[in-house]
Protein backbone atom coordinates (compact mmCIF):
# COMPACT_ATOMS: atom_id res chain seq x y z
CA MET A 1 0.05 0.12 0.00
CA GLU A 2 2.79 2.49 1.01
CA ALA A 3 4.82 1.53 -2.09
CA SER A 4 1.81 2.05 -4.26
CA GLY A 5 0.90 5.52 -2.67
CA ARG A 6 4.44 6.67 -3.32
CA THR A 7 4.20 5.49 -7.07
CA SER A 8 0.83 7.40 -7.29
CA GLY A 9 2.77 10.53 -5.87
CA LEU A 10 5.46 10.25 -8.33
CA ARG A 11 3.07 9.96 -11.21
CA LEU A 12 1.21 13.03 -10.24
CA ARG A 13 4.40 14.97 -9.92
CA ALA A 14 5.54 13.73 -13.25
CA ARG A 15 2.16 14.92 -14.80
CA ALA A 16 2.44 18.34 -13.24
CA ARG A 17 5.89 18.81 -14.21
CA ALA A 18 4.92 17.91 -18.06
CA PHE A 19 1.93 20.24 -17.61
CA LEU A 20 4.03 23.11 -16.40
CA PRO A 21 6.60 24.11 -19.19
CA LYS A 22 9.56 24.90 -16.72
CA GLY A 23 8.32 23.11 -13.52
CA TRP A 24 6.81 24.32 -10.23
CA GLY A 25 9.67 26.58 -9.38
CA ASP A 26 9.42 28.83 -12.22
CA PHE A 27 5.27 28.86 -12.14
CA LEU A 28 5.38 29.92 -8.56
CA LEU A 29 7.83 32.61 -9.20
CA GLN A 30 5.65 34.12 -11.98
CA LEU A 31 2.74 34.03 -9.42
CA PHE A 32 4.83 35.58 -6.86
CA LEU A 33 5.99 38.49 -9.33
CA PHE A 34 2.31 39.14 -10.27
CA ALA A 35 1.55 39.34 -6.43
CA ILE A 36 4.25 41.90 -5.84
CA VAL A 37 2.77 43.92 -8.61
CA ASP A 38 -0.80 43.69 -7.04
CA ILE A 39 0.67 44.74 -3.68
CA ALA A 40 2.03 47.86 -5.38
CA TYR A 41 -1.36 48.66 -6.85
CA GLU A 42 -2.88 48.31 -3.46
CA LEU A 43 -0.42 51.00 -2.16
CA THR A 44 -1.41 53.39 -4.86
CA ARG A 45 -5.38 52.71 -4.07
CA GLY A 46 -4.30 53.86 -0.44
CA LEU A 47 -2.65 56.91 -1.52
CA SER A 48 -5.42 57.88 -3.72
CA GLU A 49 -8.09 57.99 -0.86
CA GLY A 50 -6.51 61.53 0.01
CA SER A 51 -6.70 62.64 -3.69
CA VAL A 52 -10.32 63.61 -4.08
CA LEU A 53 -10.02 67.20 -4.92
CA PRO A 54 -7.12 66.81 -7.36
CA ALA A 55 -8.84 63.89 -9.09
CA PHE A 56 -11.71 65.98 -9.92
CA ALA A 57 -9.70 68.88 -11.06
CA HIS A 58 -7.81 66.89 -13.27
CA ALA A 59 -11.09 65.19 -14.51
CA ARG A 60 -12.31 68.68 -15.57
CA ASP A 61 -8.91 69.48 -17.06
CA VAL A 62 -9.45 66.51 -19.30
CA VAL A 63 -12.94 67.68 -20.23
CA SER A 64 -11.45 71.01 -21.06
CA LEU A 65 -8.71 69.54 -23.25
CA GLU A 66 -11.33 67.30 -25.20
CA ARG A 67 -13.55 70.24 -25.67
CA SER A 68 -10.71 72.35 -27.17
CA LEU A 69 -9.87 69.59 -29.58
CA GLY A 70 -13.64 68.92 -30.45
CA VAL A 71 -13.65 65.27 -29.05
CA PHE A 72 -15.72 65.57 -26.07
CA ASN A 73 -18.53 63.32 -27.12
CA GLU A 74 -18.40 60.61 -24.40
CA LEU A 75 -21.96 61.65 -23.27
CA ASP A 76 -23.37 60.81 -26.67
CA VAL A 77 -21.68 57.33 -26.60
CA GLN A 78 -23.43 56.81 -23.13
CA ARG A 79 -26.76 58.08 -24.29
CA TRP A 80 -26.76 55.82 -27.19
CA ALA A 81 -25.98 52.96 -24.87
CA LEU A 82 -28.47 53.78 -22.35
CA HIS A 83 -31.38 53.83 -24.89
CA ARG A 84 -30.27 50.25 -26.12
CA HIS A 85 -30.61 47.92 -23.16
CA TRP A 86 -28.63 45.25 -25.02
CA ALA A 87 -25.76 47.72 -25.60
CA LEU A 88 -25.71 48.67 -22.16
CA GLU A 89 -25.63 45.07 -20.88
CA ILE A 90 -22.72 44.46 -23.20
CA ALA A 91 -20.79 47.32 -22.00
CA ASP A 92 -21.37 46.64 -18.22
CA PHE A 93 -20.53 43.00 -18.40
CA THR A 94 -17.33 43.83 -20.53
CA TYR A 95 -16.05 46.41 -18.05
CA PHE A 96 -17.06 44.61 -14.92
CA HIS A 97 -15.89 40.99 -15.81
CA ALA A 98 -14.28 40.51 -19.07
CA HIS A 99 -11.11 42.77 -18.38
CA PHE A 100 -10.13 41.03 -15.31
CA VAL A 101 -11.14 37.42 -16.52
CA ILE A 102 -9.85 37.73 -20.06
CA THR A 103 -6.46 38.93 -18.81
CA VAL A 104 -5.83 36.45 -16.22
CA ALA A 105 -6.92 33.64 -18.60
CA PHE A 106 -4.68 35.02 -21.25
CA MET A 107 -1.60 35.05 -19.12
CA PHE A 108 -2.30 31.49 -17.91
CA TRP A 109 -2.84 30.31 -21.45
CA LEU A 110 0.23 32.12 -22.58
CA TYR A 111 2.37 30.63 -19.78
CA LEU A 112 1.17 26.99 -20.43
CA ARG A 113 0.61 26.84 -24.17
CA ARG A 114 2.92 29.45 -25.59
CA ASN A 115 5.61 29.56 -22.78
CA GLN A 116 8.54 30.92 -25.20
CA HIS A 117 6.33 34.10 -25.80
CA TYR A 118 5.13 34.35 -22.19
CA TYR A 119 8.28 36.22 -20.83
CA PHE A 120 8.21 38.98 -23.56
CA ILE A 121 4.46 39.72 -22.84
CA ARG A 122 5.14 39.51 -18.99
CA ASN A 123 7.85 42.19 -19.23
CA ALA A 124 5.46 44.24 -21.32
CA VAL A 125 2.70 43.96 -18.63
CA PHE A 126 5.14 44.74 -15.90
CA VAL A 127 6.36 47.99 -17.66
CA ALA A 128 2.82 49.01 -18.29
CA ASP A 129 1.77 48.46 -14.71
CA ALA A 130 4.77 50.39 -13.38
CA VAL A 131 4.08 53.50 -15.71
CA ALA A 132 0.38 53.23 -14.92
CA LEU A 133 1.03 53.20 -11.36
CA ILE A 134 3.13 56.37 -11.59
CA GLY A 135 0.36 57.92 -13.54
CA PHE A 136 -2.33 56.95 -10.94
CA THR A 137 -0.19 58.46 -8.19
CA VAL A 138 0.96 61.67 -9.87
CA PHE A 139 -2.23 62.31 -11.94
CA PRO A 140 -5.30 61.07 -10.12
CA THR A 141 -8.12 61.42 -12.32
CA ALA A 142 -11.92 61.01 -11.32
CA PRO A 143 -13.82 58.92 -14.10
CA PRO A 144 -16.51 60.63 -16.15
CA ARG A 145 -19.25 58.83 -14.22
CA MET A 146 -18.55 60.71 -11.11
CA LEU A 147 -19.13 64.12 -13.02
CA THR A 148 -22.82 63.93 -12.79
CA ASP A 149 -23.33 67.81 -13.21
CA LEU A 150 -22.17 67.28 -16.78
CA GLY A 151 -24.79 64.75 -17.46
CA PHE A 152 -22.88 61.50 -16.99
CA THR A 153 -24.52 58.48 -15.41
CA ASP A 154 -22.82 55.68 -13.38
CA THR A 155 -24.35 52.75 -15.48
CA LEU A 156 -22.69 49.93 -13.25
CA ASP A 157 -24.45 51.35 -10.08
CA ARG A 158 -27.81 52.45 -11.55
CA TYR A 159 -28.57 49.95 -14.28
CA ALA A 160 -26.24 46.82 -14.10
CA SER A 161 -27.72 43.58 -13.01
CA ILE A 162 -24.17 42.14 -12.42
CA SER A 163 -23.11 42.45 -8.79
CA ASN A 164 -23.25 46.24 -8.49
CA TYR A 165 -19.65 46.78 -7.35
CA SER A 166 -19.40 43.68 -5.26
CA GLY A 167 -16.69 41.01 -5.29
CA PRO A 168 -12.92 40.99 -5.63
CA VAL A 169 -13.05 43.36 -8.59
CA ALA A 170 -14.62 46.19 -6.62
CA ALA A 171 -12.51 45.47 -3.64
CA LEU A 172 -9.36 46.06 -5.69
CA ALA A 173 -10.66 49.23 -7.68
CA ASN A 174 -8.91 52.38 -7.41
CA PRO A 175 -11.51 55.05 -7.73
CA PHE A 176 -9.21 57.61 -9.47
CA ALA A 177 -7.16 55.47 -11.57
CA ALA A 178 -8.52 56.69 -15.08
CA VAL A 179 -5.30 58.08 -16.54
CA PRO A 180 -4.12 55.93 -18.42
CA SER A 181 -6.72 53.40 -19.11
CA ILE A 182 -5.12 50.16 -18.19
CA HIS A 183 -8.22 48.49 -19.76
CA THR A 184 -7.19 49.79 -23.16
CA CYS A 185 -3.51 49.16 -22.68
CA TYR A 186 -4.01 45.26 -21.67
CA SER A 187 -6.61 44.82 -24.35
CA LEU A 188 -3.96 46.09 -27.07
CA ILE A 189 -1.34 43.71 -25.63
CA ILE A 190 -3.85 40.86 -25.55
CA GLY A 191 -5.39 41.54 -28.97
CA VAL A 192 -2.03 41.96 -30.97
CA SER A 193 -0.70 38.89 -29.18
CA CYS A 194 -3.36 36.71 -29.88
CA PHE A 195 -3.48 37.79 -33.61
CA PHE A 196 0.11 36.39 -33.72
CA LEU A 197 -0.01 33.49 -31.55
CA VAL A 198 -3.57 31.83 -31.98
CA ARG A 199 -2.83 29.21 -34.79
CA HIS A 200 -6.45 29.32 -36.06
CA ARG A 201 -6.03 32.44 -38.30
CA ALA A 202 -9.77 33.46 -38.25
CA LEU A 203 -9.84 33.56 -34.55
CA GLY A 204 -6.68 35.23 -34.16
CA PHE A 205 -8.03 38.02 -36.55
CA THR A 206 -11.17 38.28 -34.50
CA TRP A 207 -8.75 39.33 -31.37
CA LEU A 208 -8.19 42.42 -33.12
CA PHE A 209 -11.66 43.58 -32.32
CA TYR A 210 -11.29 42.86 -28.66
CA PRO A 211 -9.59 46.52 -27.92
CA ALA A 212 -12.51 48.10 -29.83
CA LEU A 213 -14.82 46.36 -27.54
CA ILE A 214 -12.99 47.44 -24.46
CA VAL A 215 -12.68 50.96 -25.59
CA PHE A 216 -16.64 51.13 -26.00
CA SER A 217 -17.17 49.53 -22.55
CA ILE A 218 -15.18 51.97 -20.71
CA VAL A 219 -16.69 55.11 -22.42
CA ALA A 220 -20.27 53.82 -22.51
CA THR A 221 -20.15 52.92 -18.85
CA GLY A 222 -18.65 56.44 -17.99
CA ASN A 223 -15.57 54.99 -16.49
CA HIS A 224 -12.90 56.58 -18.91
CA PHE A 225 -12.46 59.57 -21.30
CA TRP A 226 -11.30 59.28 -24.91
CA THR A 227 -8.17 60.72 -23.52
CA ASP A 228 -7.52 58.00 -21.09
CA ALA A 229 -8.15 55.41 -23.86
CA PHE A 230 -5.55 57.16 -26.05
CA LEU A 231 -3.01 57.25 -23.33
CA GLY A 232 -3.56 53.68 -22.59
CA GLY A 233 -2.77 52.80 -26.22
CA VAL A 234 0.46 55.00 -26.03
CA LEU A 235 1.32 53.07 -22.78
CA ALA A 236 0.90 49.70 -24.80
CA CYS A 237 3.27 51.00 -27.24
CA VAL A 238 5.76 51.97 -24.65
CA ALA A 239 5.49 48.75 -22.81
CA LEU A 240 5.81 46.53 -25.89
CA GLY A 241 8.76 48.76 -27.07
CA SER A 242 10.56 48.38 -23.79
CA ALA A 243 9.75 44.61 -23.80
CA TRP A 244 11.52 44.58 -27.07
CA LEU A 245 14.68 46.42 -25.63
CA ILE A 246 14.62 43.89 -22.64
CA GLU A 247 14.58 41.10 -25.31
CA ARG A 248 17.78 42.45 -26.82
CA VAL A 249 19.72 41.83 -23.82
CA ARG A 250 17.83 38.80 -22.33
CA PRO A 251 16.53 36.71 -25.16
CA THR A 252 13.50 34.39 -24.42
CA LEU A 253 11.55 34.49 -27.74
CA PRO A 254 12.01 31.65 -30.31
CA HIS A 255 14.36 32.42 -33.26
CA HIS A 256 11.75 32.86 -35.88
CA THR A 257 10.10 35.38 -33.79
CA ARG A 258 13.17 37.15 -32.97
CA VAL A 259 14.01 37.29 -36.77
CA ARG A 260 10.47 38.87 -37.41
CA MET A 261 11.06 41.31 -34.81
CA ARG A 262 14.53 42.51 -36.13
CA LEU A 263 16.37 41.05 -32.99
CA GLU A 264 18.20 38.39 -34.98
CA ALA A 265 19.44 37.92 -38.48
CA PRO A 266 17.88 35.31 -40.60
CA ALA A 267 19.25 31.75 -40.09
CA ARG A 268 22.33 30.98 -42.29
CA ARG A 269 23.28 27.58 -43.62
CA GLY A 270 24.67 25.58 -40.73
CA GLY A 271 22.43 27.12 -38.01
CA PRO A 272 20.80 30.32 -36.72
CA VAL A 273 22.93 33.42 -36.09
CA THR A 274 22.16 34.83 -32.53
CA ALA A 275 22.18 38.33 -31.44
CA ARG A 276 24.96 39.62 -29.49
């Protein structure tokens, strides 16, 4: 009995090692690194509690900027959604659930099934988080839904039938983390990554529409301005560019991807030429 139990345990550990591309050690390390990022985010959430007046002043600065550029039409988008129940439900559900669930699921899928590409995207996400945390701390900004005097509606609070700010998403929410839009940043990183990494081309192409869905949801629910979304897109470019620079000195991607990204020369006869 004891021997059979040990054999079963060894088999389970072997299966786990086969399932995890680099074993338990690396898997737990990745979880630890993301836990550190979450703790940093919690610290900025605590700092934001004393930033009410600056946050509302910054929000009105964003409104003034968009009015001067002629792009302040978030109210029109929200009113369009409010008059179409199906559109409002999609926006609420996407904002409240899809961002968190899809991001977590994507990172697990990337680690388990496309492990050679995981570390590049992880680096991009960490850079994005670091820059965003600086933005949330230095430039706290109230979301449009708090500017009720301008006509905005908090759709998640008044109309949504999906948990109304309860659960882990609400507990981790920073009320003044509008600039930049991390929703937009993540959605662009995920959409572009899935376009290249999903093997079924039609499905990969579909992922390019994911950022558009996220941007619609953040504007229709009154959680972000167009400016926030634009800066989120800029942040995604900065994060991916930074990951590219890190990849130059710490190679993790497969050779064919590094060639496509101009990190290595094409393979010569006799083997690949690695970057120095």
